[in-house]
Amino acid sequence: MVIFDAVRYYFILGRRPEAQARERAIFHQLGEALYLLIFADLGLILFYLVKLGVSPDLFNQILTLISGGKIGLADVFLPLLVGLIAPLALLITPRTARSPWVQSVASLLIIWGNFSMGT
């Protein structure tokens, strides 16, 4: 949604002042939604880690996959870095927080991080 709205903002609406004011309000709300999505994703990861700590069998299976070379540390940390930490850093920085361009980049990083988790 953020990406489509940024394309509409930059290429379709033009630079009319009344459109810019309305779009800034929309980007403010979309930025807050991105925060919620990032923290929900972090919550799911923490829930998974707690589940891993409670179930010794699951922990042993994961440890076997990592030590056997089927899963590398880059497979674990790259999606976290690209999909959570980098977008959160872009959205927390006050200078870049409400920029449509930065919100689009953060959205693409979140999508890329989530797809890289599945491989």
PDB file of N, CA and C in Angstrom:
ATOM      1  N   MET A   1       0.827  -1.183   0.000  1.00  0.00           N
ATOM      2  CA  MET A   1       0.000   0.000   0.000  1.00  0.00           C
ATOM      3  C   MET A   1       0.877   1.254   0.000  1.00  0.00           C
ATOM      4  N   VAL A   2       1.926   1.222   0.810  1.00  0.00           N
ATOM      5  CA  VAL A   2       2.830   2.377   0.895  1.00  0.00           C
ATOM      6  C   VAL A   2       3.489   2.637  -0.454  1.00  0.00           C
ATOM      7  N   ILE A   3       3.899   1.581  -1.108  1.00  0.00           N
ATOM      8  CA  ILE A   3       4.593   1.726  -2.388  1.00  0.00           C
ATOM      9  C   ILE A   3       3.657   2.308  -3.452  1.00  0.00           C
ATOM     10  N   PHE A   4       2.442   1.787  -3.521  1.00  0.00           N
ATOM     11  CA  PHE A   4       1.478   2.310  -4.499  1.00  0.00           C
ATOM     12  C   PHE A   4       1.114   3.762  -4.202  1.00  0.00           C
ATOM     13  N   ASP A   5       0.986   4.092  -2.929  1.00  0.00           N
ATOM     14  CA  ASP A   5       0.651   5.470  -2.579  1.00  0.00           C
ATOM     15  C   ASP A   5       1.812   6.419  -2.887  1.00  0.00           C
ATOM     16  N   ALA A   6       3.040   5.963  -2.712  1.00  0.00           N
ATOM     17  CA  ALA A   6       4.195   6.804  -3.052  1.00  0.00           C
ATOM     18  C   ALA A   6       4.276   7.042  -4.557  1.00  0.00           C
ATOM     19  N   VAL A   7       3.991   6.008  -5.340  1.00  0.00           N
ATOM     20  CA  VAL A   7       3.979   6.177  -6.798  1.00  0.00           C
ATOM     21  C   VAL A   7       2.894   7.171  -7.198  1.00  0.00           C
ATOM     22  N   ARG A   8       1.736   7.051  -6.586  1.00  0.00           N
ATOM     23  CA  ARG A   8       0.644   7.982  -6.869  1.00  0.00           C
ATOM     24  C   ARG A   8       1.013   9.402  -6.456  1.00  0.00           C
ATOM     25  N   TYR A   9       1.689   9.532  -5.318  1.00  0.00           N
ATOM     26  CA  TYR A   9       2.071  10.840  -4.803  1.00  0.00           C
ATOM     27  C   TYR A   9       3.070  11.535  -5.721  1.00  0.00           C
ATOM     28  N   TYR A  10       4.083  10.788  -6.172  1.00  0.00           N
ATOM     29  CA  TYR A  10       5.153  11.398  -6.961  1.00  0.00           C
ATOM     30  C   TYR A  10       4.808  11.539  -8.442  1.00  0.00           C
ATOM     31  N   PHE A  11       4.071  10.595  -8.997  1.00  0.00           N
ATOM     32  CA  PHE A  11       3.906  10.585 -10.445  1.00  0.00           C
ATOM     33  C   PHE A  11       2.507  10.950 -10.937  1.00  0.00           C
ATOM     34  N   ILE A  12       1.483  10.724 -10.163  1.00  0.00           N
ATOM     35  CA  ILE A  12       0.124  10.941 -10.648  1.00  0.00           C
ATOM     36  C   ILE A  12      -0.465  12.254 -10.149  1.00  0.00           C
ATOM     37  N   LEU A  13      -0.330  12.531  -8.854  1.00  0.00           N
ATOM     38  CA  LEU A  13      -0.972  13.716  -8.288  1.00  0.00           C
ATOM     39  C   LEU A  13      -0.302  15.025  -8.674  1.00  0.00           C
ATOM     40  N   GLY A  14       0.961  14.990  -8.934  1.00  0.00           N
ATOM     41  CA  GLY A  14       1.673  16.240  -9.198  1.00  0.00           C
ATOM     42  C   GLY A  14       2.003  16.932  -7.883  1.00  0.00           C
ATOM     43  N   ARG A  15       2.276  18.185  -7.954  1.00  0.00           N
ATOM     44  CA  ARG A  15       2.708  18.928  -6.771  1.00  0.00           C
ATOM     45  C   ARG A  15       1.679  19.969  -6.327  1.00  0.00           C
ATOM     46  N   ARG A  16       0.414  19.630  -6.366  1.00  0.00           N
ATOM     47  CA  ARG A  16      -0.612  20.556  -5.893  1.00  0.00           C
ATOM     48  C   ARG A  16      -0.591  20.611  -4.368  1.00  0.00           C
ATOM     49  N   PRO A  17      -0.652  21.797  -3.765  1.00  0.00           N
ATOM     50  CA  PRO A  17      -0.570  21.917  -2.296  1.00  0.00           C
ATOM     51  C   PRO A  17      -1.680  21.196  -1.552  1.00  0.00           C
ATOM     52  N   GLU A  18      -2.913  21.218  -2.091  1.00  0.00           N
ATOM     53  CA  GLU A  18      -4.008  20.549  -1.376  1.00  0.00           C
ATOM     54  C   GLU A  18      -3.831  19.030  -1.383  1.00  0.00           C
ATOM     55  N   ALA A  19      -3.275  18.498  -2.469  1.00  0.00           N
ATOM     56  CA  ALA A  19      -3.011  17.057  -2.544  1.00  0.00           C
ATOM     57  C   ALA A  19      -1.859  16.676  -1.626  1.00  0.00           C
ATOM     58  N   GLN A  20      -0.852  17.537  -1.531  1.00  0.00           N
ATOM     59  CA  GLN A  20       0.292  17.238  -0.669  1.00  0.00           C
ATOM     60  C   GLN A  20      -0.109  17.177   0.795  1.00  0.00           C
ATOM     61  N   ALA A  21      -0.965  18.080   1.242  1.00  0.00           N
ATOM     62  CA  ALA A  21      -1.390  18.089   2.643  1.00  0.00           C
ATOM     63  C   ALA A  21      -2.168  16.817   2.974  1.00  0.00           C
ATOM     64  N   ARG A  22      -3.040  16.412   2.085  1.00  0.00           N
ATOM     65  CA  ARG A  22      -3.825  15.196   2.318  1.00  0.00           C
ATOM     66  C   ARG A  22      -2.928  13.957   2.302  1.00  0.00           C
ATOM     67  N   GLU A  23      -1.979  13.924   1.370  1.00  0.00           N
ATOM     68  CA  GLU A  23      -1.082  12.780   1.268  1.00  0.00           C
ATOM     69  C   GLU A  23      -0.141  12.684   2.464  1.00  0.00           C
ATOM     70  N   ARG A  24       0.293  13.811   3.002  1.00  0.00           N
ATOM     71  CA  ARG A  24       1.145  13.779   4.201  1.00  0.00           C
ATOM     72  C   ARG A  24       0.418  13.128   5.368  1.00  0.00           C
ATOM     73  N   ALA A  25      -0.878  13.402   5.506  1.00  0.00           N
ATOM     74  CA  ALA A  25      -1.666  12.764   6.567  1.00  0.00           C
ATOM     75  C   ALA A  25      -1.771  11.255   6.325  1.00  0.00           C
ATOM     76  N   ILE A  26      -1.924  10.883   5.062  1.00  0.00           N
ATOM     77  CA  ILE A  26      -1.992   9.454   4.739  1.00  0.00           C
ATOM     78  C   ILE A  26      -0.655   8.784   5.043  1.00  0.00           C
ATOM     79  N   PHE A  27       0.456   9.414   4.679  1.00  0.00           N
ATOM     80  CA  PHE A  27       1.764   8.825   4.947  1.00  0.00           C
ATOM     81  C   PHE A  27       2.056   8.749   6.441  1.00  0.00           C
ATOM     82  N   HIS A  28       1.539   9.684   7.203  1.00  0.00           N
ATOM     83  CA  HIS A  28       1.703   9.622   8.654  1.00  0.00           C
ATOM     84  C   HIS A  28       1.011   8.371   9.209  1.00  0.00           C
ATOM     85  N   GLN A  29      -0.198   8.097   8.737  1.00  0.00           N
ATOM     86  CA  GLN A  29      -0.922   6.913   9.192  1.00  0.00           C
ATOM     87  C   GLN A  29      -0.281   5.622   8.687  1.00  0.00           C
ATOM     88  N   LEU A  30       0.219   5.633   7.458  1.00  0.00           N
ATOM     89  CA  LEU A  30       0.878   4.443   6.929  1.00  0.00           C
ATOM     90  C   LEU A  30       2.191   4.164   7.659  1.00  0.00           C
ATOM     91  N   GLY A  31       2.887   5.221   8.063  1.00  0.00           N
ATOM     92  CA  GLY A  31       4.108   5.037   8.851  1.00  0.00           C
ATOM     93  C   GLY A  31       3.817   4.393  10.188  1.00  0.00           C
ATOM     94  N   GLU A  32       2.729   4.798  10.823  1.00  0.00           N
ATOM     95  CA  GLU A  32       2.342   4.168  12.085  1.00  0.00           C
ATOM     96  C   GLU A  32       1.960   2.704  11.867  1.00  0.00           C
ATOM     97  N   ALA A  33       1.319   2.410  10.753  1.00  0.00           N
ATOM     98  CA  ALA A  33       0.973   1.023  10.443  1.00  0.00           C
ATOM     99  C   ALA A  33       2.233   0.184  10.217  1.00  0.00           C
ATOM    100  N   LEU A  34       3.255   0.781   9.596  1.00  0.00           N
ATOM    101  CA  LEU A  34       4.522   0.058   9.414  1.00  0.00           C
ATOM    102  C   LEU A  34       5.171  -0.263  10.757  1.00  0.00           C
ATOM    103  N   TYR A  35       5.120   0.690  11.687  1.00  0.00           N
ATOM    104  CA  TYR A  35       5.630   0.410  13.035  1.00  0.00           C
ATOM    105  C   TYR A  35       4.920  -0.796  13.631  1.00  0.00           C
ATOM    106  N   LEU A  36       3.597  -0.806  13.532  1.00  0.00           N
ATOM    107  CA  LEU A  36       2.828  -1.913  14.100  1.00  0.00           C
ATOM    108  C   LEU A  36       3.196  -3.243  13.447  1.00  0.00           C
ATOM    109  N   LEU A  37       3.371  -3.239  12.127  1.00  0.00           N
ATOM    110  CA  LEU A  37       3.746  -4.472  11.438  1.00  0.00           C
ATOM    111  C   LEU A  37       5.126  -4.963  11.850  1.00  0.00           C
ATOM    112  N   ILE A  38       6.063  -4.047  12.010  1.00  0.00           N
ATOM    113  CA  ILE A  38       7.409  -4.440  12.416  1.00  0.00           C
ATOM    114  C   ILE A  38       7.382  -5.024  13.827  1.00  0.00           C
ATOM    115  N   PHE A  39       6.664  -4.378  14.734  1.00  0.00           N
ATOM    116  CA  PHE A  39       6.612  -4.889  16.100  1.00  0.00           C
ATOM    117  C   PHE A  39       5.804  -6.184  16.188  1.00  0.00           C
ATOM    118  N   ALA A  40       4.805  -6.360  15.345  1.00  0.00           N
ATOM    119  CA  ALA A  40       4.086  -7.629  15.304  1.00  0.00           C
ATOM    120  C   ALA A  40       5.003  -8.739  14.810  1.00  0.00           C
ATOM    121  N   ASP A  41       5.817  -8.442  13.816  1.00  0.00           N
ATOM    122  CA  ASP A  41       6.782  -9.417  13.313  1.00  0.00           C
ATOM    123  C   ASP A  41       7.806  -9.761  14.389  1.00  0.00           C
ATOM    124  N   LEU A  42       8.270  -8.759  15.114  1.00  0.00           N
ATOM    125  CA  LEU A  42       9.187  -9.023  16.231  1.00  0.00           C
ATOM    126  C   LEU A  42       8.518  -9.890  17.299  1.00  0.00           C
ATOM    127  N   GLY A  43       7.252  -9.628  17.568  1.00  0.00           N
ATOM    128  CA  GLY A  43       6.525 -10.442  18.535  1.00  0.00           C
ATOM    129  C   GLY A  43       6.408 -11.893  18.092  1.00  0.00           C
ATOM    130  N   LEU A  44       6.165 -12.113  16.806  1.00  0.00           N
ATOM    131  CA  LEU A  44       6.099 -13.484  16.302  1.00  0.00           C
ATOM    132  C   LEU A  44       7.450 -14.189  16.413  1.00  0.00           C
ATOM    133  N   ILE A  45       8.514 -13.462  16.151  1.00  0.00           N
ATOM    134  CA  ILE A  45       9.846 -14.057  16.269  1.00  0.00           C
ATOM    135  C   ILE A  45      10.156 -14.381  17.724  1.00  0.00           C
ATOM    136  N   LEU A  46       9.807 -13.482  18.644  1.00  0.00           N
ATOM    137  CA  LEU A  46      10.019 -13.763  20.064  1.00  0.00           C
ATOM    138  C   LEU A  46       9.175 -14.937  20.529  1.00  0.00           C
ATOM    139  N   PHE A  47       7.937 -15.026  20.052  1.00  0.00           N
ATOM    140  CA  PHE A  47       7.092 -16.169  20.382  1.00  0.00           C
ATOM    141  C   PHE A  47       7.730 -17.464  19.891  1.00  0.00           C
ATOM    142  N   TYR A  48       8.292 -17.438  18.686  1.00  0.00           N
ATOM    143  CA  TYR A  48       8.969 -18.619  18.143  1.00  0.00           C
ATOM    144  C   TYR A  48      10.172 -18.989  18.992  1.00  0.00           C
ATOM    145  N   LEU A  49      10.931 -17.992  19.451  1.00  0.00           N
ATOM    146  CA  LEU A  49      12.098 -18.278  20.289  1.00  0.00           C
ATOM    147  C   LEU A  49      11.688 -18.858  21.640  1.00  0.00           C
ATOM    148  N   VAL A  50      10.596 -18.364  22.203  1.00  0.00           N
ATOM    149  CA  VAL A  50      10.100 -18.930  23.460  1.00  0.00           C
ATOM    150  C   VAL A  50       9.642 -20.363  23.234  1.00  0.00           C
ATOM    151  N   LYS A  51       8.961 -20.594  22.136  1.00  0.00           N
ATOM    152  CA  LYS A  51       8.524 -21.955  21.798  1.00  0.00           C
ATOM    153  C   LYS A  51       9.727 -22.878  21.619  1.00  0.00           C
ATOM    154  N   LEU A  52      10.783 -22.351  21.025  1.00  0.00           N
ATOM    155  CA  LEU A  52      12.000 -23.126  20.829  1.00  0.00           C
ATOM    156  C   LEU A  52      12.640 -23.471  22.170  1.00  0.00           C
ATOM    157  N   GLY A  53      12.599 -22.525  23.119  1.00  0.00           N
ATOM    158  CA  GLY A  53      13.181 -22.775  24.437  1.00  0.00           C
ATOM    159  C   GLY A  53      12.372 -23.751  25.255  1.00  0.00           C
ATOM    160  N   VAL A  54      11.067 -23.799  25.052  1.00  0.00           N
ATOM    161  CA  VAL A  54      10.207 -24.694  25.826  1.00  0.00           C
ATOM    162  C   VAL A  54      10.286 -26.128  25.297  1.00  0.00           C
ATOM    163  N   SER A  55      10.433 -26.274  23.998  1.00  0.00           N
ATOM    164  CA  SER A  55      10.449 -27.601  23.382  1.00  0.00           C
ATOM    165  C   SER A  55      11.883 -28.034  23.086  1.00  0.00           C
ATOM    166  N   PRO A  56      12.439 -28.928  23.905  1.00  0.00           N
ATOM    167  CA  PRO A  56      13.826 -29.371  23.650  1.00  0.00           C
ATOM    168  C   PRO A  56      13.976 -30.140  22.337  1.00  0.00           C
ATOM    169  N   ASP A  57      12.939 -30.859  21.918  1.00  0.00           N
ATOM    170  CA  ASP A  57      13.038 -31.601  20.654  1.00  0.00           C
ATOM    171  C   ASP A  57      13.176 -30.667  19.463  1.00  0.00           C
ATOM    172  N   LEU A  58      12.385 -29.617  19.453  1.00  0.00           N
ATOM    173  CA  LEU A  58      12.470 -28.633  18.373  1.00  0.00           C
ATOM    174  C   LEU A  58      13.825 -27.937  18.384  1.00  0.00           C
ATOM    175  N   PHE A  59      14.328 -27.598  19.565  1.00  0.00           N
ATOM    176  CA  PHE A  59      15.641 -26.962  19.682  1.00  0.00           C
ATOM    177  C   PHE A  59      16.730 -27.880  19.145  1.00  0.00           C
ATOM    178  N   ASN A  60      16.658 -29.160  19.452  1.00  0.00           N
ATOM    179  CA  ASN A  60      17.662 -30.106  18.953  1.00  0.00           C
ATOM    180  C   ASN A  60      17.594 -30.256  17.436  1.00  0.00           C
ATOM    181  N   GLN A  61      16.383 -30.220  16.867  1.00  0.00           N
ATOM    182  CA  GLN A  61      16.260 -30.298  15.411  1.00  0.00           C
ATOM    183  C   GLN A  61      16.870 -29.076  14.736  1.00  0.00           C
ATOM    184  N   ILE A  62      16.608 -27.895  15.291  1.00  0.00           N
ATOM    185  CA  ILE A  62      17.180 -26.666  14.733  1.00  0.00           C
ATOM    186  C   ILE A  62      18.693 -26.678  14.869  1.00  0.00           C
ATOM    187  N   LEU A  63      19.193 -27.110  16.021  1.00  0.00           N
ATOM    188  CA  LEU A  63      20.638 -27.182  16.240  1.00  0.00           C
ATOM    189  C   LEU A  63      21.292 -28.158  15.270  1.00  0.00           C
ATOM    190  N   THR A  64      20.625 -29.264  14.974  1.00  0.00           N
ATOM    191  CA  THR A  64      21.139 -30.225  14.001  1.00  0.00           C
ATOM    192  C   THR A  64      21.198 -29.615  12.607  1.00  0.00           C
ATOM    193  N   LEU A  65      20.177 -28.853  12.232  1.00  0.00           N
ATOM    194  CA  LEU A  65      20.183 -28.203  10.918  1.00  0.00           C
ATOM    195  C   LEU A  65      21.298 -27.178  10.806  1.00  0.00           C
ATOM    196  N   ILE A  66      21.519 -26.409  11.875  1.00  0.00           N
ATOM    197  CA  ILE A  66      22.575 -25.388  11.842  1.00  0.00           C
ATOM    198  C   ILE A  66      23.949 -26.032  11.840  1.00  0.00           C
ATOM    199  N   SER A  67      24.152 -27.016  12.703  1.00  0.00           N
ATOM    200  CA  SER A  67      25.478 -27.638  12.773  1.00  0.00           C
ATOM    201  C   SER A  67      25.759 -28.508  11.555  1.00  0.00           C
ATOM    202  N   GLY A  68      24.734 -29.008  10.886  1.00  0.00           N
ATOM    203  CA  GLY A  68      24.922 -29.820   9.681  1.00  0.00           C
ATOM    204  C   GLY A  68      25.170 -28.996   8.434  1.00  0.00           C
ATOM    205  N   GLY A  69      25.057 -27.680   8.538  1.00  0.00           N
ATOM    206  CA  GLY A  69      25.317 -26.814   7.396  1.00  0.00           C
ATOM    207  C   GLY A  69      24.119 -26.599   6.491  1.00  0.00           C
ATOM    208  N   LYS A  70      22.948 -27.097   6.871  1.00  0.00           N
ATOM    209  CA  LYS A  70      21.765 -26.896   6.036  1.00  0.00           C
ATOM    210  C   LYS A  70      21.181 -25.499   6.219  1.00  0.00           C
ATOM    211  N   ILE A  71      21.405 -24.915   7.382  1.00  0.00           N
ATOM    212  CA  ILE A  71      20.991 -23.545   7.657  1.00  0.00           C
ATOM    213  C   ILE A  71      22.217 -22.797   8.146  1.00  0.00           C
ATOM    214  N   GLY A  72      22.552 -21.699   7.514  1.00  0.00           N
ATOM    215  CA  GLY A  72      23.682 -20.885   7.933  1.00  0.00           C
ATOM    216  C   GLY A  72      23.238 -19.730   8.816  1.00  0.00           C
ATOM    217  N   LEU A  73      24.183 -19.084   9.439  1.00  0.00           N
ATOM    218  CA  LEU A  73      23.846 -17.936  10.274  1.00  0.00           C
ATOM    219  C   LEU A  73      23.310 -16.781   9.444  1.00  0.00           C
ATOM    220  N   ALA A  74      23.742 -16.686   8.198  1.00  0.00           N
ATOM    221  CA  ALA A  74      23.213 -15.644   7.315  1.00  0.00           C
ATOM    222  C   ALA A  74      21.726 -15.877   7.029  1.00  0.00           C
ATOM    223  N   ASP A  75      21.304 -17.145   6.996  1.00  0.00           N
ATOM    224  CA  ASP A  75      19.889 -17.446   6.786  1.00  0.00           C
ATOM    225  C   ASP A  75      19.040 -17.008   7.963  1.00  0.00           C
ATOM    226  N   VAL A  76      19.649 -16.903   9.126  1.00  0.00           N
ATOM    227  CA  VAL A  76      18.926 -16.498  10.327  1.00  0.00           C
ATOM    228  C   VAL A  76      18.988 -14.987  10.521  1.00  0.00           C
ATOM    229  N   PHE A  77      20.189 -14.413  10.395  1.00  0.00           N
ATOM    230  CA  PHE A  77      20.370 -13.005  10.736  1.00  0.00           C
ATOM    231  C   PHE A  77      20.084 -12.037   9.599  1.00  0.00           C
ATOM    232  N   LEU A  78      20.229 -12.452   8.353  1.00  0.00           N
ATOM    233  CA  LEU A  78      19.968 -11.557   7.225  1.00  0.00           C
ATOM    234  C   LEU A  78      18.502 -11.116   7.156  1.00  0.00           C
ATOM    235  N   PRO A  79      17.540 -12.032   7.285  1.00  0.00           N
ATOM    236  CA  PRO A  79      16.144 -11.560   7.295  1.00  0.00           C
ATOM    237  C   PRO A  79      15.829 -10.634   8.478  1.00  0.00           C
ATOM    238  N   LEU A  80      16.442 -10.882   9.619  1.00  0.00           N
ATOM    239  CA  LEU A  80      16.222  -9.998  10.763  1.00  0.00           C
ATOM    240  C   LEU A  80      16.805  -8.616  10.514  1.00  0.00           C
ATOM    241  N   LEU A  81      17.985  -8.583   9.937  1.00  0.00           N
ATOM    242  CA  LEU A  81      18.640  -7.303   9.676  1.00  0.00           C
ATOM    243  C   LEU A  81      17.916  -6.535   8.577  1.00  0.00           C
ATOM    244  N   VAL A  82      17.612  -7.223   7.481  1.00  0.00           N
ATOM    245  CA  VAL A  82      16.997  -6.553   6.332  1.00  0.00           C
ATOM    246  C   VAL A  82      15.511  -6.284   6.555  1.00  0.00           C
ATOM    247  N   GLY A  83      14.809  -7.231   7.157  1.00  0.00           N
ATOM    248  CA  GLY A  83      13.364  -7.116   7.274  1.00  0.00           C
ATOM    249  C   GLY A  83      12.866  -6.408   8.511  1.00  0.00           C
ATOM    250  N   LEU A  84      13.712  -6.263   9.551  1.00  0.00           N
ATOM    251  CA  LEU A  84      13.244  -5.637  10.784  1.00  0.00           C
ATOM    252  C   LEU A  84      14.097  -4.465  11.235  1.00  0.00           C
ATOM    253  N   ILE A  85      15.373  -4.684  11.361  1.00  0.00           N
ATOM    254  CA  ILE A  85      16.238  -3.665  11.961  1.00  0.00           C
ATOM    255  C   ILE A  85      16.443  -2.473  11.031  1.00  0.00           C
ATOM    256  N   ALA A  86      16.740  -2.734   9.754  1.00  0.00           N
ATOM    257  CA  ALA A  86      16.957  -1.626   8.809  1.00  0.00           C
ATOM    258  C   ALA A  86      15.690  -0.780   8.601  1.00  0.00           C
ATOM    259  N   PRO A  87      14.507  -1.384   8.376  1.00  0.00           N
ATOM    260  CA  PRO A  87      13.313  -0.539   8.240  1.00  0.00           C
ATOM    261  C   PRO A  87      12.971   0.224   9.519  1.00  0.00           C
ATOM    262  N   LEU A  88      13.183  -0.418  10.663  1.00  0.00           N
ATOM    263  CA  LEU A  88      12.911   0.266  11.921  1.00  0.00           C
ATOM    264  C   LEU A  88      13.851   1.449  12.115  1.00  0.00           C
ATOM    265  N   ALA A  89      15.116   1.283  11.730  1.00  0.00           N
ATOM    266  CA  ALA A  89      16.067   2.395  11.816  1.00  0.00           C
ATOM    267  C   ALA A  89      15.670   3.536  10.882  1.00  0.00           C
ATOM    268  N   LEU A  90      15.177   3.199   9.696  1.00  0.00           N
ATOM    269  CA  LEU A  90      14.729   4.238   8.764  1.00  0.00           C
ATOM    270  C   LEU A  90      13.494   4.971   9.281  1.00  0.00           C
ATOM    271  N   LEU A  91      12.611   4.246   9.942  1.00  0.00           N
ATOM    272  CA  LEU A  91      11.367   4.853  10.395  1.00  0.00           C
ATOM    273  C   LEU A  91      11.488   5.552  11.745  1.00  0.00           C
ATOM    274  N   ILE A  92      12.505   5.230  12.510  1.00  0.00           N
ATOM    275  CA  ILE A  92      12.698   5.885  13.807  1.00  0.00           C
ATOM    276  C   ILE A  92      13.417   7.222  13.650  1.00  0.00           C
ATOM    277  N   THR A  93      14.304   7.307  12.683  1.00  0.00           N
ATOM    278  CA  THR A  93      15.060   8.532  12.468  1.00  0.00           C
ATOM    279  C   THR A  93      14.093   9.668  12.122  1.00  0.00           C
ATOM    280  N   PRO A  94      14.070  10.742  12.926  1.00  0.00           N
ATOM    281  CA  PRO A  94      13.083  11.804  12.700  1.00  0.00           C
ATOM    282  C   PRO A  94      13.201  12.478  11.333  1.00  0.00           C
ATOM    283  N   ARG A  95      14.400  12.557  10.813  1.00  0.00           N
ATOM    284  CA  ARG A  95      14.615  13.242   9.540  1.00  0.00           C
ATOM    285  C   ARG A  95      13.992  12.488   8.357  1.00  0.00           C
ATOM    286  N   THR A  96      13.944  11.171   8.465  1.00  0.00           N
ATOM    287  CA  THR A  96      13.449  10.362   7.355  1.00  0.00           C
ATOM    288  C   THR A  96      12.132   9.664   7.640  1.00  0.00           C
ATOM    289  N   ALA A  97      11.576   9.847   8.814  1.00  0.00           N
ATOM    290  CA  ALA A  97      10.438   9.042   9.251  1.00  0.00           C
ATOM    291  C   ALA A  97       9.194   9.215   8.386  1.00  0.00           C
ATOM    292  N   ARG A  98       8.886  10.412   7.948  1.00  0.00           N
ATOM    293  CA  ARG A  98       7.628  10.643   7.233  1.00  0.00           C
ATOM    294  C   ARG A  98       7.816  10.887   5.740  1.00  0.00           C
ATOM    295  N   SER A  99       8.983  10.603   5.234  1.00  0.00           N
ATOM    296  CA  SER A  99       9.219  10.758   3.805  1.00  0.00           C
ATOM    297  C   SER A  99       8.563   9.605   3.041  1.00  0.00           C
ATOM    298  N   PRO A 100       7.781   9.903   2.020  1.00  0.00           N
ATOM    299  CA  PRO A 100       7.167   8.826   1.227  1.00  0.00           C
ATOM    300  C   PRO A 100       8.211   7.906   0.592  1.00  0.00           C
ATOM    301  N   TRP A 101       9.314   8.482   0.158  1.00  0.00           N
ATOM    302  CA  TRP A 101      10.372   7.693  -0.461  1.00  0.00           C
ATOM    303  C   TRP A 101      10.976   6.716   0.542  1.00  0.00           C
ATOM    304  N   VAL A 102      11.278   7.178   1.756  1.00  0.00           N
ATOM    305  CA  VAL A 102      11.878   6.319   2.776  1.00  0.00           C
ATOM    306  C   VAL A 102      10.887   5.256   3.242  1.00  0.00           C
ATOM    307  N   GLN A 103       9.621   5.615   3.350  1.00  0.00           N
ATOM    308  CA  GLN A 103       8.623   4.622   3.724  1.00  0.00           C
ATOM    309  C   GLN A 103       8.493   3.539   2.655  1.00  0.00           C
ATOM    310  N   SER A 104       8.642   3.912   1.402  1.00  0.00           N
ATOM    311  CA  SER A 104       8.602   2.920   0.326  1.00  0.00           C
ATOM    312  C   SER A 104       9.806   1.990   0.402  1.00  0.00           C
ATOM    313  N   VAL A 105      10.971   2.550   0.658  1.00  0.00           N
ATOM    314  CA  VAL A 105      12.183   1.732   0.800  1.00  0.00           C
ATOM    315  C   VAL A 105      12.041   0.793   1.996  1.00  0.00           C
ATOM    316  N   ALA A 106      11.522   1.305   3.119  1.00  0.00           N
ATOM    317  CA  ALA A 106      11.318   0.465   4.301  1.00  0.00           C
ATOM    318  C   ALA A 106      10.325  -0.663   3.997  1.00  0.00           C
ATOM    319  N   SER A 107       9.278  -0.366   3.245  1.00  0.00           N
ATOM    320  CA  SER A 107       8.305  -1.404   2.869  1.00  0.00           C
ATOM    321  C   SER A 107       8.950  -2.478   1.998  1.00  0.00           C
ATOM    322  N   LEU A 108       9.759  -2.051   1.038  1.00  0.00           N
ATOM    323  CA  LEU A 108      10.455  -3.029   0.184  1.00  0.00           C
ATOM    324  C   LEU A 108      11.430  -3.875   0.990  1.00  0.00           C
ATOM    325  N   LEU A 109      12.107  -3.273   1.968  1.00  0.00           N
ATOM    326  CA  LEU A 109      13.017  -4.047   2.816  1.00  0.00           C
ATOM    327  C   LEU A 109      12.259  -5.063   3.659  1.00  0.00           C
ATOM    328  N   ILE A 110      11.094  -4.679   4.157  1.00  0.00           N
ATOM    329  CA  ILE A 110      10.277  -5.618   4.936  1.00  0.00           C
ATOM    330  C   ILE A 110       9.837  -6.787   4.066  1.00  0.00           C
ATOM    331  N   ILE A 111       9.397  -6.489   2.849  1.00  0.00           N
ATOM    332  CA  ILE A 111       8.971  -7.554   1.933  1.00  0.00           C
ATOM    333  C   ILE A 111      10.144  -8.462   1.603  1.00  0.00           C
ATOM    334  N   TRP A 112      11.298  -7.874   1.312  1.00  0.00           N
ATOM    335  CA  TRP A 112      12.480  -8.674   0.970  1.00  0.00           C
ATOM    336  C   TRP A 112      12.911  -9.529   2.159  1.00  0.00           C
ATOM    337  N   GLY A 113      12.894  -8.956   3.357  1.00  0.00           N
ATOM    338  CA  GLY A 113      13.266  -9.728   4.542  1.00  0.00           C
ATOM    339  C   GLY A 113      12.325 -10.889   4.802  1.00  0.00           C
ATOM    340  N   ASN A 114      11.027 -10.674   4.589  1.00  0.00           N
ATOM    341  CA  ASN A 114      10.071 -11.753   4.806  1.00  0.00           C
ATOM    342  C   ASN A 114      10.215 -12.855   3.760  1.00  0.00           C
ATOM    343  N   PHE A 115      10.463 -12.480   2.517  1.00  0.00           N
ATOM    344  CA  PHE A 115      10.654 -13.507   1.489  1.00  0.00           C
ATOM    345  C   PHE A 115      11.974 -14.246   1.672  1.00  0.00           C
ATOM    346  N   SER A 116      12.993 -13.577   2.210  1.00  0.00           N
ATOM    347  CA  SER A 116      14.261 -14.268   2.415  1.00  0.00           C
ATOM    348  C   SER A 116      14.186 -15.233   3.596  1.00  0.00           C
ATOM    349  N   MET A 117      13.197 -15.053   4.479  1.00  0.00           N
ATOM    350  CA  MET A 117      13.016 -16.016   5.567  1.00  0.00           C
ATOM    351  C   MET A 117      12.524 -17.362   5.052  1.00  0.00           C
ATOM    352  N   GLY A 118      11.792 -17.342   3.964  1.00  0.00           N
ATOM    353  CA  GLY A 118      11.196 -18.576   3.467  1.00  0.00           C
ATOM    354  C   GLY A 118      12.146 -19.477   2.709  1.00  0.00           C
ATOM    355  N   THR A 119      13.292 -18.965   2.315  1.00  0.00           N
ATOM    356  CA  THR A 119      14.204 -19.798   1.516  1.00  0.00           C
ATOM    357  C   THR A 119      15.116 -20.617   2.366  1.00  0.00           C
TER     358      THR A 119
END
